[in-house]
Amino acid sequence: MSKIPDIEPGVPAPGRSVGPIVSSSHLSGRAAELSELEFGLIVAGNAFNRWMVRCMNAAGLADLSPLDILVLHSVNHRGRSKKSADICLVLNVEDTHTVTYALKKLLKQEVVASERRGKETFYSITGKGEAICRTYAEIRENCLVDSLRTLGFSNTDLGSIASFLRGISGLYDQAARSAASL
């Protein structure tokens, strides 16, 4: 069987299998599929960050970073006030100063409030913050949830994917600890 020549060097001819799409083929070694997963996480993470910012802009709150938005939703979660350390823990953020900066921005926007209790500062959602999160949720329902259904994913499928991602994050955390001790 003769080899079908590439149309351009490095670009497979039509009908030819490309193989896994990896962002770092030099890291593939025994697991090209892991590089493929990592590339998918990178692309999905960037798309998710872009989505959050655009959705929050549409909800009426501009100039927030993806982390600022995650912190706002975390503060709003279950309507209970939270310490910055708890927010860091839930979001798996190691650099606490980034969450502290996000909280300062959110305080300035008057979507969160702070209260000192002894030596601790607790953050809670304001009425304005609650309204913004509600509008964000409505936009999310209209722009994202219905589109997701067209891909054929059920809520059970999404739950399984979420469970897998939480599991894989634990593996990466463990690998990071191992690498730090080398």
Protein backbone atom coordinates (compact mmCIF):
# COMPACT_ATOMS: atom_id res chain seq x y z
CA MET A 1 0.00 0.00 0.00
CA SER A 2 1.49 3.33 -1.02
CA LYS A 3 1.62 6.31 1.28
CA ILE A 4 -0.74 9.14 0.41
CA PRO A 5 1.39 12.28 0.21
CA ASP A 6 0.60 15.21 2.46
CA ILE A 7 -0.86 18.25 0.72
CA GLU A 8 1.25 20.46 2.97
CA PRO A 9 4.11 19.22 5.12
CA GLY A 10 2.70 18.25 8.50
CA VAL A 11 -0.94 18.43 7.32
CA PRO A 12 -2.52 15.04 6.66
CA ALA A 13 -4.16 14.37 3.33
CA PRO A 14 -7.98 14.22 3.27
CA GLY A 15 -9.32 10.93 4.61
CA ARG A 16 -6.17 10.18 6.56
CA SER A 17 -6.35 9.60 10.29
CA VAL A 18 -4.74 12.32 12.36
CA GLY A 19 -4.60 10.51 15.69
CA PRO A 20 -4.98 12.16 19.04
CA ILE A 21 -4.91 15.94 19.26
CA VAL A 22 -2.29 16.86 21.81
CA SER A 23 -0.89 20.21 22.83
CA SER A 24 2.38 18.75 24.03
CA SER A 25 3.26 15.68 22.01
CA HIS A 26 6.75 15.78 23.53
CA LEU A 27 5.09 14.85 26.86
CA SER A 28 2.98 11.97 25.49
CA GLY A 29 5.32 9.11 26.26
CA ARG A 30 3.19 6.11 27.28
CA ALA A 31 -0.07 8.09 27.43
CA ALA A 32 -0.87 10.18 24.37
CA GLU A 33 -4.46 10.08 25.59
CA LEU A 34 -3.45 11.96 28.74
CA SER A 35 -1.95 14.72 26.59
CA GLU A 36 -5.18 14.71 24.58
CA LEU A 37 -7.20 15.05 27.82
CA GLU A 38 -4.93 17.87 29.02
CA PHE A 39 -5.39 19.72 25.72
CA GLY A 40 -9.15 19.29 26.08
CA LEU A 41 -8.97 20.69 29.63
CA ILE A 42 -6.95 23.68 28.42
CA VAL A 43 -9.34 24.49 25.60
CA ALA A 44 -12.44 23.88 27.74
CA GLY A 45 -10.99 25.90 30.63
CA ASN A 46 -10.30 28.88 28.38
CA ALA A 47 -13.77 28.64 26.81
CA PHE A 48 -15.37 28.39 30.26
CA ASN A 49 -13.45 31.45 31.49
CA ARG A 50 -14.48 33.43 28.41
CA TRP A 51 -18.12 32.31 28.91
CA MET A 52 -18.19 33.38 32.58
CA VAL A 53 -16.85 36.86 31.78
CA ARG A 54 -19.27 37.42 28.90
CA CYS A 55 -22.22 36.06 30.87
CA MET A 56 -21.40 38.29 33.84
CA ASN A 57 -21.07 41.30 31.50
CA ALA A 58 -24.52 40.49 30.12
CA ALA A 59 -25.83 40.18 33.68
CA GLY A 60 -24.71 43.75 34.32
CA LEU A 61 -21.37 43.45 36.08
CA ALA A 62 -18.34 44.26 33.93
CA ASP A 63 -14.60 44.23 34.54
CA LEU A 64 -14.46 41.00 36.54
CA SER A 65 -11.95 38.22 35.97
CA PRO A 66 -13.03 34.57 35.89
CA LEU A 67 -11.73 34.15 39.46
CA ASP A 68 -13.71 37.19 40.62
CA ILE A 69 -16.85 35.61 39.19
CA LEU A 70 -16.14 32.24 40.82
CA VAL A 71 -15.58 33.98 44.16
CA LEU A 72 -18.88 35.88 43.78
CA HIS A 73 -20.78 32.65 43.10
CA SER A 74 -19.00 30.96 46.01
CA VAL A 75 -20.00 33.75 48.40
CA ASN A 76 -23.59 33.50 47.13
CA HIS A 77 -23.66 29.71 47.49
CA ARG A 78 -26.23 28.57 50.08
CA GLY A 79 -26.69 32.13 51.34
CA ARG A 80 -24.18 31.71 54.19
CA SER A 81 -21.28 34.02 54.94
CA LYS A 82 -17.82 32.57 54.37
CA LYS A 83 -14.20 33.22 55.29
CA SER A 84 -11.70 33.75 52.47
CA ALA A 85 -9.87 30.56 53.56
CA ASP A 86 -13.09 28.56 53.03
CA ILE A 87 -13.55 30.08 49.58
CA CYS A 88 -9.95 29.14 48.70
CA LEU A 89 -10.53 25.59 49.94
CA VAL A 90 -13.75 25.10 47.96
CA LEU A 91 -12.29 26.57 44.76
CA ASN A 92 -8.95 24.77 45.26
CA VAL A 93 -7.05 28.07 45.06
CA GLU A 94 -3.58 27.92 46.58
CA ASP A 95 -2.68 31.60 46.15
CA THR A 96 -4.93 33.15 48.80
CA HIS A 97 -3.95 36.70 47.83
CA THR A 98 -5.79 36.26 44.50
CA VAL A 99 -9.03 35.48 46.35
CA THR A 100 -8.40 38.39 48.75
CA TYR A 101 -7.97 40.72 45.77
CA ALA A 102 -11.16 39.35 44.16
CA LEU A 103 -13.08 39.97 47.40
CA LYS A 104 -11.79 43.57 47.50
CA LYS A 105 -13.02 44.12 43.94
CA LEU A 106 -16.41 42.61 44.80
CA LEU A 107 -16.69 44.76 47.92
CA LYS A 108 -15.98 47.84 45.80
CA GLN A 109 -18.72 46.77 43.35
CA GLU A 110 -21.04 46.37 46.38
CA VAL A 111 -22.02 42.81 45.46
CA VAL A 112 -20.51 41.35 48.64
CA ALA A 113 -20.28 42.70 52.17
CA SER A 114 -17.78 41.94 54.91
CA GLU A 115 -18.20 41.54 58.65
CA ARG A 116 -15.55 41.06 61.33
CA ARG A 117 -16.19 38.32 63.88
CA GLY A 118 -13.32 38.25 66.32
CA LYS A 119 -10.14 37.85 64.30
CA GLU A 120 -11.96 36.56 61.20
CA THR A 121 -13.60 38.42 58.33
CA PHE A 122 -16.71 36.83 56.83
CA TYR A 123 -18.10 37.69 53.41
CA SER A 124 -21.76 37.55 52.42
CA ILE A 125 -23.77 38.37 49.33
CA THR A 126 -25.61 41.69 49.12
CA GLY A 127 -29.02 42.25 47.54
CA LYS A 128 -27.27 43.66 44.46
CA GLY A 129 -24.98 40.61 44.30
CA GLU A 130 -27.92 38.24 44.63
CA ALA A 131 -29.74 40.00 41.79
CA ILE A 132 -26.65 39.83 39.56
CA CYS A 133 -26.24 36.09 40.28
CA ARG A 134 -29.94 35.51 39.54
CA THR A 135 -29.61 37.32 36.19
CA TYR A 136 -26.43 35.33 35.45
CA ALA A 137 -28.37 32.10 36.13
CA GLU A 138 -31.17 33.16 33.76
CA ILE A 139 -28.70 33.97 30.99
CA ARG A 140 -26.95 30.65 31.65
CA GLU A 141 -30.25 28.78 31.30
CA ASN A 142 -31.12 30.56 28.05
CA CYS A 143 -27.73 30.50 26.36
CA LEU A 144 -26.04 27.37 27.64
CA VAL A 145 -28.35 24.76 29.13
CA ASP A 146 -30.61 24.39 26.10
CA SER A 147 -27.58 24.24 23.77
CA LEU A 148 -26.01 21.56 25.93
CA ARG A 149 -29.04 19.33 25.43
CA THR A 150 -28.49 19.43 21.65
CA LEU A 151 -25.23 17.53 22.24
CA GLY A 152 -27.22 14.68 23.71
CA PHE A 153 -25.88 14.92 27.27
CA SER A 154 -28.27 14.02 30.06
CA ASN A 155 -28.00 15.32 33.60
CA THR A 156 -26.67 11.89 34.57
CA ASP A 157 -23.95 12.18 31.91
CA LEU A 158 -22.97 15.60 33.22
CA GLY A 159 -22.82 14.25 36.77
CA SER A 160 -20.51 11.45 35.62
CA ILE A 161 -18.23 13.91 33.82
CA ALA A 162 -18.16 16.17 36.91
CA SER A 163 -17.23 13.20 39.09
CA PHE A 164 -14.43 12.25 36.70
CA LEU A 165 -13.08 15.82 36.70
CA ARG A 166 -13.10 15.98 40.51
CA GLY A 167 -11.23 12.66 40.58
CA ILE A 168 -8.67 13.76 38.02
CA SER A 169 -8.11 17.01 39.95
CA GLY A 170 -7.19 14.91 42.98
CA LEU A 171 -4.66 13.00 40.90
CA TYR A 172 -3.10 16.24 39.65
CA ASP A 173 -2.99 17.60 43.24
CA GLN A 174 -1.21 14.44 44.39
CA ALA A 175 1.18 14.59 41.45
CA ALA A 176 1.92 18.25 42.30
CA ARG A 177 2.78 17.28 45.88
CA SER A 178 5.01 14.50 44.61
CA ALA A 179 6.77 16.81 42.16
CA ALA A 180 7.32 19.40 44.90
CA SER A 181 9.17 16.83 46.97
CA LEU A 182 11.60 15.81 44.21
